[in-house]
Amino acid sequence: MSHTYTTLMCHGVFSTKHRAALLKSEMMPELVKVVGGIVRDRDGKLLAMNGTSNHVHLLMIFHPKLALSDLFRDIKAVSSNWVHEKFPGSTGFGWQEGYGAFSVSRSNATKVEAYIANQEEHHRTQTFEEELIALLERHGVVYDKRYVFD
């Protein structure tokens, strides 16, 4: 081929440090814009983002020139700095070290977007910990339960 053609879509999830309830509802609309800008600056596109007080989910298309681990590192570092600047009372805010990332086909994107949009309702019956384990298992990720959470 004379050109490279890709659509690399990813469902990402990560929590606040120690899964502390540090994400306030008033933060989320601006946080989505900040994260969208980070992804866009790296030639990607944020399609959806939502979460609860202790974690976020995002659906994005990312450019193949950037390693997924670098993109998540940048999203978490830049957004954490933004939270500290914008909400000075959030001195204890931070993201966990790791993340979950799951490939998504274009044909399944609408379902993942709906799943992300309904986080508040979803977490009335399932904790973040239960949700993450279910995602790992659904996607066939090999893990040791002793090391999933800090």
N, C-alpha and C. Protein backbone atom coordinates (compact mmCIF):
# COMPACT_ATOMS: atom_id res chain seq x y z
N MET A 1 0.84 -1.19 0.00
CA MET A 1 0.00 0.00 0.00
C MET A 1 0.88 1.24 0.00
N SER A 2 0.39 2.26 -0.61
CA SER A 2 1.15 3.50 -0.66
C SER A 2 0.89 4.40 0.53
N HIS A 3 -0.16 4.12 1.28
CA HIS A 3 -0.52 4.91 2.46
C HIS A 3 -0.83 3.98 3.63
N THR A 4 -0.89 4.55 4.81
CA THR A 4 -1.28 3.79 6.00
C THR A 4 -2.67 4.24 6.40
N TYR A 5 -3.55 3.28 6.65
CA TYR A 5 -4.92 3.56 7.03
C TYR A 5 -5.22 2.86 8.34
N THR A 6 -5.68 3.61 9.31
CA THR A 6 -6.00 3.01 10.61
C THR A 6 -7.22 3.67 11.22
N THR A 7 -7.90 2.91 12.03
CA THR A 7 -8.87 3.42 12.99
C THR A 7 -8.60 2.63 14.26
N LEU A 8 -7.92 3.25 15.18
CA LEU A 8 -7.57 2.59 16.44
C LEU A 8 -8.45 3.18 17.52
N MET A 9 -9.48 2.43 17.87
CA MET A 9 -10.45 2.90 18.86
C MET A 9 -10.24 2.14 20.16
N CYS A 10 -10.29 2.88 21.27
CA CYS A 10 -9.98 2.31 22.57
C CYS A 10 -10.99 2.78 23.62
N HIS A 11 -11.44 1.85 24.44
CA HIS A 11 -12.22 2.14 25.64
C HIS A 11 -11.24 2.11 26.79
N GLY A 12 -11.02 3.25 27.41
CA GLY A 12 -10.08 3.34 28.53
C GLY A 12 -10.81 3.59 29.83
N VAL A 13 -10.22 3.10 30.90
CA VAL A 13 -10.79 3.32 32.23
C VAL A 13 -9.64 3.43 33.24
N PHE A 14 -9.76 4.41 34.14
CA PHE A 14 -8.80 4.53 35.23
C PHE A 14 -9.46 5.27 36.38
N SER A 15 -8.91 5.07 37.56
CA SER A 15 -9.55 5.62 38.76
C SER A 15 -8.65 6.65 39.43
N THR A 16 -9.25 7.32 40.37
CA THR A 16 -8.49 8.22 41.21
C THR A 16 -7.59 7.37 42.10
N LYS A 17 -6.57 7.98 42.63
CA LYS A 17 -5.64 7.25 43.50
C LYS A 17 -6.40 6.65 44.68
N HIS A 18 -6.18 5.36 44.90
CA HIS A 18 -6.85 4.59 45.96
C HIS A 18 -8.37 4.61 45.81
N ARG A 19 -8.82 4.92 44.59
CA ARG A 19 -10.25 4.97 44.28
C ARG A 19 -11.03 5.91 45.20
N ALA A 20 -10.36 6.97 45.64
CA ALA A 20 -11.00 7.96 46.52
C ALA A 20 -12.03 8.76 45.73
N ALA A 21 -13.11 9.14 46.39
CA ALA A 21 -14.21 9.88 45.75
C ALA A 21 -13.83 11.36 45.62
N LEU A 22 -12.96 11.65 44.65
CA LEU A 22 -12.41 12.99 44.50
C LEU A 22 -12.92 13.74 43.27
N LEU A 23 -13.61 13.05 42.38
CA LEU A 23 -14.14 13.71 41.19
C LEU A 23 -15.52 14.29 41.51
N LYS A 24 -15.58 15.59 41.56
CA LYS A 24 -16.83 16.28 41.86
C LYS A 24 -17.63 16.47 40.58
N SER A 25 -18.95 16.46 40.70
CA SER A 25 -19.80 16.57 39.50
C SER A 25 -19.52 17.85 38.73
N GLU A 26 -19.17 18.94 39.42
CA GLU A 26 -18.89 20.20 38.72
C GLU A 26 -17.58 20.16 37.92
N MET A 27 -16.73 19.20 38.20
CA MET A 27 -15.47 19.07 37.46
C MET A 27 -15.66 18.42 36.10
N MET A 28 -16.58 17.48 36.00
CA MET A 28 -16.66 16.60 34.84
C MET A 28 -16.84 17.31 33.51
N PRO A 29 -17.76 18.28 33.36
CA PRO A 29 -17.90 18.89 32.02
C PRO A 29 -16.60 19.53 31.53
N GLU A 30 -15.89 20.23 32.40
CA GLU A 30 -14.63 20.84 31.99
C GLU A 30 -13.53 19.81 31.82
N LEU A 31 -13.53 18.78 32.66
CA LEU A 31 -12.54 17.72 32.55
C LEU A 31 -12.64 17.01 31.20
N VAL A 32 -13.86 16.82 30.74
CA VAL A 32 -14.07 16.20 29.43
C VAL A 32 -13.45 17.08 28.34
N LYS A 33 -13.62 18.38 28.44
CA LYS A 33 -13.03 19.29 27.45
C LYS A 33 -11.50 19.25 27.52
N VAL A 34 -10.96 19.21 28.73
CA VAL A 34 -9.50 19.16 28.90
C VAL A 34 -8.95 17.87 28.28
N VAL A 35 -9.55 16.74 28.62
CA VAL A 35 -9.09 15.47 28.09
C VAL A 35 -9.27 15.43 26.57
N GLY A 36 -10.38 15.97 26.08
CA GLY A 36 -10.59 16.04 24.64
C GLY A 36 -9.49 16.83 23.95
N GLY A 37 -9.07 17.92 24.57
CA GLY A 37 -7.98 18.71 24.01
C GLY A 37 -6.65 17.98 24.02
N ILE A 38 -6.39 17.23 25.08
CA ILE A 38 -5.16 16.44 25.17
C ILE A 38 -5.12 15.42 24.05
N VAL A 39 -6.21 14.70 23.87
CA VAL A 39 -6.29 13.67 22.82
C VAL A 39 -6.17 14.32 21.44
N ARG A 40 -6.86 15.43 21.23
CA ARG A 40 -6.83 16.13 19.95
C ARG A 40 -5.42 16.65 19.64
N ASP A 41 -4.72 17.17 20.66
CA ASP A 41 -3.35 17.66 20.47
C ASP A 41 -2.40 16.54 20.04
N ARG A 42 -2.79 15.31 20.27
CA ARG A 42 -1.98 14.15 19.89
C ARG A 42 -2.58 13.43 18.69
N ASP A 43 -3.34 14.21 17.90
CA ASP A 43 -3.93 13.74 16.64
C ASP A 43 -4.96 12.64 16.81
N GLY A 44 -5.65 12.64 17.94
CA GLY A 44 -6.72 11.68 18.17
C GLY A 44 -8.05 12.39 18.32
N LYS A 45 -9.05 11.64 18.74
CA LYS A 45 -10.38 12.21 18.92
C LYS A 45 -11.06 11.53 20.10
N LEU A 46 -11.50 12.32 21.06
CA LEU A 46 -12.28 11.80 22.18
C LEU A 46 -13.73 11.71 21.74
N LEU A 47 -14.29 10.50 21.77
CA LEU A 47 -15.67 10.29 21.34
C LEU A 47 -16.66 10.34 22.49
N ALA A 48 -16.22 9.93 23.68
CA ALA A 48 -17.10 9.92 24.85
C ALA A 48 -16.25 9.88 26.10
N MET A 49 -16.77 10.49 27.17
CA MET A 49 -16.10 10.42 28.47
C MET A 49 -17.13 10.67 29.55
N ASN A 50 -17.05 9.88 30.60
CA ASN A 50 -17.95 10.03 31.74
C ASN A 50 -17.37 9.20 32.87
N GLY A 51 -17.91 9.39 34.04
CA GLY A 51 -17.45 8.60 35.17
C GLY A 51 -18.26 8.87 36.41
N THR A 52 -17.69 8.46 37.52
CA THR A 52 -18.31 8.68 38.82
C THR A 52 -17.28 9.42 39.69
N SER A 53 -17.51 9.46 40.96
CA SER A 53 -16.62 10.20 41.85
C SER A 53 -15.23 9.59 41.97
N ASN A 54 -15.06 8.33 41.55
CA ASN A 54 -13.75 7.71 41.73
C ASN A 54 -13.11 7.12 40.47
N HIS A 55 -13.74 7.28 39.31
CA HIS A 55 -13.11 6.77 38.09
C HIS A 55 -13.77 7.38 36.85
N VAL A 56 -13.06 7.24 35.74
CA VAL A 56 -13.58 7.71 34.46
C VAL A 56 -13.42 6.63 33.39
N HIS A 57 -14.30 6.72 32.41
CA HIS A 57 -14.24 5.90 31.20
C HIS A 57 -14.12 6.87 30.03
N LEU A 58 -13.38 6.46 29.02
CA LEU A 58 -13.35 7.26 27.82
C LEU A 58 -13.29 6.36 26.60
N LEU A 59 -13.83 6.87 25.53
CA LEU A 59 -13.77 6.18 24.24
C LEU A 59 -13.07 7.15 23.31
N MET A 60 -12.00 6.69 22.70
CA MET A 60 -11.23 7.59 21.84
C MET A 60 -10.65 6.84 20.66
N ILE A 61 -10.37 7.63 19.64
CA ILE A 61 -9.59 7.16 18.50
C ILE A 61 -8.21 7.77 18.68
N PHE A 62 -7.17 6.94 18.59
CA PHE A 62 -5.83 7.47 18.78
C PHE A 62 -4.98 7.23 17.55
N HIS A 63 -4.00 8.08 17.36
CA HIS A 63 -3.12 8.02 16.20
C HIS A 63 -2.06 6.95 16.42
N PRO A 64 -1.72 6.17 15.39
CA PRO A 64 -0.76 5.08 15.56
C PRO A 64 0.67 5.54 15.85
N LYS A 65 0.97 6.82 15.65
CA LYS A 65 2.33 7.29 15.92
C LYS A 65 2.61 7.40 17.42
N LEU A 66 1.57 7.32 18.24
CA LEU A 66 1.71 7.49 19.68
C LEU A 66 1.38 6.18 20.38
N ALA A 67 2.26 5.74 21.26
CA ALA A 67 1.98 4.55 22.05
C ALA A 67 0.80 4.83 22.98
N LEU A 68 -0.05 3.87 23.12
CA LEU A 68 -1.21 4.02 23.99
C LEU A 68 -0.79 4.37 25.42
N SER A 69 0.28 3.77 25.90
CA SER A 69 0.76 4.07 27.26
C SER A 69 1.18 5.53 27.39
N ASP A 70 1.77 6.10 26.34
CA ASP A 70 2.15 7.52 26.36
C ASP A 70 0.91 8.40 26.38
N LEU A 71 -0.10 8.02 25.62
CA LEU A 71 -1.34 8.81 25.60
C LEU A 71 -2.00 8.81 26.97
N PHE A 72 -2.11 7.64 27.62
CA PHE A 72 -2.71 7.60 28.95
C PHE A 72 -1.87 8.37 29.96
N ARG A 73 -0.55 8.25 29.87
CA ARG A 73 0.33 9.01 30.76
C ARG A 73 0.07 10.51 30.62
N ASP A 74 -0.02 10.99 29.38
CA ASP A 74 -0.25 12.41 29.13
C ASP A 74 -1.63 12.85 29.61
N ILE A 75 -2.65 12.04 29.33
CA ILE A 75 -4.01 12.38 29.77
C ILE A 75 -4.04 12.55 31.28
N LYS A 76 -3.46 11.60 31.99
CA LYS A 76 -3.52 11.65 33.45
C LYS A 76 -2.66 12.77 34.03
N ALA A 77 -1.48 12.98 33.48
CA ALA A 77 -0.59 14.02 34.01
C ALA A 77 -1.16 15.42 33.77
N VAL A 78 -1.56 15.69 32.55
CA VAL A 78 -2.06 17.03 32.21
C VAL A 78 -3.39 17.30 32.93
N SER A 79 -4.28 16.33 32.96
CA SER A 79 -5.58 16.55 33.61
C SER A 79 -5.43 16.67 35.12
N SER A 80 -4.50 15.95 35.71
CA SER A 80 -4.25 16.07 37.15
C SER A 80 -3.74 17.47 37.47
N ASN A 81 -2.81 17.97 36.67
CA ASN A 81 -2.31 19.34 36.88
C ASN A 81 -3.44 20.34 36.73
N TRP A 82 -4.32 20.12 35.75
CA TRP A 82 -5.45 21.02 35.54
C TRP A 82 -6.36 21.02 36.77
N VAL A 83 -6.66 19.85 37.32
CA VAL A 83 -7.52 19.78 38.51
C VAL A 83 -6.90 20.59 39.65
N HIS A 84 -5.60 20.44 39.87
CA HIS A 84 -4.94 21.16 40.95
C HIS A 84 -4.97 22.68 40.73
N GLU A 85 -4.85 23.13 39.49
CA GLU A 85 -4.89 24.56 39.18
C GLU A 85 -6.30 25.12 39.26
N LYS A 86 -7.25 24.40 38.70
CA LYS A 86 -8.63 24.88 38.61
C LYS A 86 -9.39 24.75 39.93
N PHE A 87 -9.06 23.72 40.72
CA PHE A 87 -9.74 23.45 41.98
C PHE A 87 -8.68 23.37 43.08
N PRO A 88 -8.21 24.52 43.56
CA PRO A 88 -7.09 24.54 44.53
C PRO A 88 -7.35 23.73 45.80
N GLY A 89 -8.59 23.51 46.16
CA GLY A 89 -8.91 22.72 47.34
C GLY A 89 -8.72 21.22 47.14
N SER A 90 -8.37 20.81 45.93
CA SER A 90 -8.23 19.38 45.61
C SER A 90 -6.78 18.94 45.76
N THR A 91 -6.18 19.27 46.89
CA THR A 91 -4.75 18.96 47.08
C THR A 91 -4.46 17.47 47.06
N GLY A 92 -5.39 16.63 47.47
CA GLY A 92 -5.16 15.19 47.50
C GLY A 92 -5.49 14.49 46.20
N PHE A 93 -5.88 15.26 45.17
CA PHE A 93 -6.31 14.63 43.92
C PHE A 93 -5.13 14.02 43.17
N GLY A 94 -5.36 12.85 42.62
CA GLY A 94 -4.39 12.19 41.74
C GLY A 94 -5.06 10.99 41.10
N TRP A 95 -4.48 10.55 40.00
CA TRP A 95 -4.96 9.35 39.31
C TRP A 95 -4.14 8.15 39.76
N GLN A 96 -4.73 6.98 39.69
CA GLN A 96 -3.99 5.75 39.94
C GLN A 96 -2.89 5.61 38.89
N GLU A 97 -1.93 4.78 39.17
CA GLU A 97 -0.81 4.60 38.25
C GLU A 97 -1.23 3.92 36.95
N GLY A 98 -2.02 2.89 37.03
CA GLY A 98 -2.36 2.10 35.85
C GLY A 98 -3.65 2.52 35.18
N TYR A 99 -4.07 1.70 34.23
CA TYR A 99 -5.30 1.95 33.48
C TYR A 99 -5.72 0.65 32.82
N GLY A 100 -6.95 0.61 32.38
CA GLY A 100 -7.43 -0.47 31.53
C GLY A 100 -7.68 0.10 30.16
N ALA A 101 -7.31 -0.64 29.13
CA ALA A 101 -7.54 -0.19 27.76
C ALA A 101 -8.00 -1.38 26.93
N PHE A 102 -9.11 -1.20 26.24
CA PHE A 102 -9.73 -2.30 25.52
C PHE A 102 -10.06 -1.86 24.10
N SER A 103 -9.69 -2.65 23.13
CA SER A 103 -9.97 -2.30 21.74
C SER A 103 -11.47 -2.36 21.48
N VAL A 104 -11.92 -1.48 20.61
CA VAL A 104 -13.34 -1.38 20.27
C VAL A 104 -13.45 -1.31 18.75
N SER A 105 -14.31 -2.12 18.20
CA SER A 105 -14.56 -2.05 16.76
C SER A 105 -15.55 -0.93 16.47
N ARG A 106 -15.49 -0.40 15.28
CA ARG A 106 -16.41 0.67 14.88
C ARG A 106 -17.86 0.20 15.04
N SER A 107 -18.12 -1.07 14.76
CA SER A 107 -19.48 -1.59 14.84
C SER A 107 -19.99 -1.68 16.28
N ASN A 108 -19.10 -1.64 17.26
CA ASN A 108 -19.50 -1.72 18.66
C ASN A 108 -19.40 -0.37 19.38
N ALA A 109 -18.97 0.66 18.69
CA ALA A 109 -18.73 1.97 19.31
C ALA A 109 -19.98 2.56 19.95
N THR A 110 -21.13 2.42 19.32
CA THR A 110 -22.37 2.99 19.87
C THR A 110 -22.72 2.36 21.20
N LYS A 111 -22.52 1.05 21.32
CA LYS A 111 -22.79 0.36 22.59
C LYS A 111 -21.84 0.84 23.69
N VAL A 112 -20.58 1.02 23.34
CA VAL A 112 -19.60 1.48 24.33
C VAL A 112 -19.92 2.92 24.74
N GLU A 113 -20.29 3.76 23.79
CA GLU A 113 -20.68 5.14 24.13
C GLU A 113 -21.86 5.15 25.09
N ALA A 114 -22.86 4.31 24.85
CA ALA A 114 -24.03 4.23 25.74
C ALA A 114 -23.61 3.74 27.12
N TYR A 115 -22.73 2.77 27.17
CA TYR A 115 -22.22 2.25 28.45
C TYR A 115 -21.53 3.36 29.23
N ILE A 116 -20.72 4.14 28.56
CA ILE A 116 -20.00 5.24 29.20
C ILE A 116 -20.99 6.32 29.66
N ALA A 117 -21.96 6.63 28.86
CA ALA A 117 -22.95 7.66 29.20
C ALA A 117 -23.77 7.29 30.43
N ASN A 118 -23.96 5.98 30.66
CA ASN A 118 -24.83 5.52 31.75
C ASN A 118 -24.05 5.09 33.00
N GLN A 119 -22.91 5.67 33.24
CA GLN A 119 -22.09 5.26 34.38
C GLN A 119 -22.79 5.42 35.72
N GLU A 120 -23.45 6.53 35.93
CA GLU A 120 -24.11 6.76 37.22
C GLU A 120 -25.15 5.67 37.50
N GLU A 121 -25.97 5.37 36.53
CA GLU A 121 -26.99 4.34 36.69
C GLU A 121 -26.34 2.96 36.87
N HIS A 122 -25.32 2.70 36.08
CA HIS A 122 -24.62 1.41 36.13
C HIS A 122 -24.05 1.14 37.52
N HIS A 123 -23.52 2.18 38.15
CA HIS A 123 -22.86 1.99 39.44
C HIS A 123 -23.81 2.02 40.63
N ARG A 124 -25.07 2.01 40.38
CA ARG A 124 -26.04 1.81 41.46
C ARG A 124 -26.05 0.35 41.89
N THR A 125 -25.62 -0.53 40.97
CA THR A 125 -25.67 -1.97 41.27
C THR A 125 -24.31 -2.65 41.22
N GLN A 126 -23.27 -1.93 40.80
CA GLN A 126 -21.95 -2.55 40.67
C GLN A 126 -20.86 -1.55 41.06
N THR A 127 -19.91 -2.00 41.86
CA THR A 127 -18.80 -1.14 42.25
C THR A 127 -17.81 -1.02 41.10
N PHE A 128 -16.93 -0.03 41.20
CA PHE A 128 -15.87 0.11 40.21
C PHE A 128 -15.00 -1.14 40.16
N GLU A 129 -14.68 -1.68 41.32
CA GLU A 129 -13.84 -2.88 41.39
C GLU A 129 -14.49 -4.04 40.65
N GLU A 130 -15.78 -4.25 40.87
CA GLU A 130 -16.51 -5.31 40.18
C GLU A 130 -16.55 -5.05 38.67
N GLU A 131 -16.76 -3.81 38.32
CA GLU A 131 -16.82 -3.43 36.90
C GLU A 131 -15.49 -3.70 36.21
N LEU A 132 -14.39 -3.29 36.83
CA LEU A 132 -13.09 -3.48 36.20
C LEU A 132 -12.76 -4.96 36.01
N ILE A 133 -13.03 -5.77 37.02
CA ILE A 133 -12.79 -7.22 36.90
C ILE A 133 -13.64 -7.79 35.76
N ALA A 134 -14.90 -7.35 35.67
CA ALA A 134 -15.78 -7.83 34.59
C ALA A 134 -15.24 -7.41 33.22
N LEU A 135 -14.72 -6.19 33.10
CA LEU A 135 -14.15 -5.74 31.83
C LEU A 135 -12.91 -6.56 31.47
N LEU A 136 -12.05 -6.80 32.45
CA LEU A 136 -10.85 -7.61 32.19
C LEU A 136 -11.24 -9.00 31.69
N GLU A 137 -12.21 -9.60 32.36
CA GLU A 137 -12.63 -10.94 31.97
C GLU A 137 -13.33 -10.95 30.61
N ARG A 138 -14.18 -9.97 30.36
CA ARG A 138 -14.90 -9.90 29.08
C ARG A 138 -13.93 -9.77 27.91
N HIS A 139 -12.82 -9.08 28.15
CA HIS A 139 -11.86 -8.85 27.07
C HIS A 139 -10.70 -9.86 27.07
N GLY A 140 -10.79 -10.86 27.93
CA GLY A 140 -9.78 -11.91 27.93
C GLY A 140 -8.41 -11.47 28.41
N VAL A 141 -8.37 -10.47 29.27
CA VAL A 141 -7.10 -9.97 29.80
C VAL A 141 -6.65 -10.88 30.94
N VAL A 142 -5.42 -11.35 30.86
CA VAL A 142 -4.86 -12.17 31.92
C VAL A 142 -4.41 -11.24 33.04
N TYR A 143 -4.80 -11.54 34.28
CA TYR A 143 -4.46 -10.68 35.41
C TYR A 143 -4.35 -11.51 36.67
N ASP A 144 -3.68 -10.95 37.65
CA ASP A 144 -3.59 -11.55 38.98
C ASP A 144 -4.36 -10.61 39.91
N LYS A 145 -5.46 -11.09 40.47
CA LYS A 145 -6.35 -10.25 41.26
C LYS A 145 -5.63 -9.54 42.41
N ARG A 146 -4.53 -10.14 42.88
CA ARG A 146 -3.78 -9.53 43.98
C ARG A 146 -3.16 -8.19 43.57
N TYR A 147 -2.98 -7.98 42.26
CA TYR A 147 -2.27 -6.79 41.80
C TYR A 147 -3.12 -5.83 40.98
N VAL A 148 -4.40 -6.07 40.91
CA VAL A 148 -5.27 -5.20 40.11
C VAL A 148 -5.46 -3.85 40.79
N PHE A 149 -5.62 -3.86 42.10
CA PHE A 149 -5.90 -2.62 42.82
C PHE A 149 -4.75 -2.32 43.77
N ASP A 150 -4.49 -1.02 43.95
CA ASP A 150 -3.42 -0.62 44.85
C ASP A 150 -3.84 -0.65 46.30
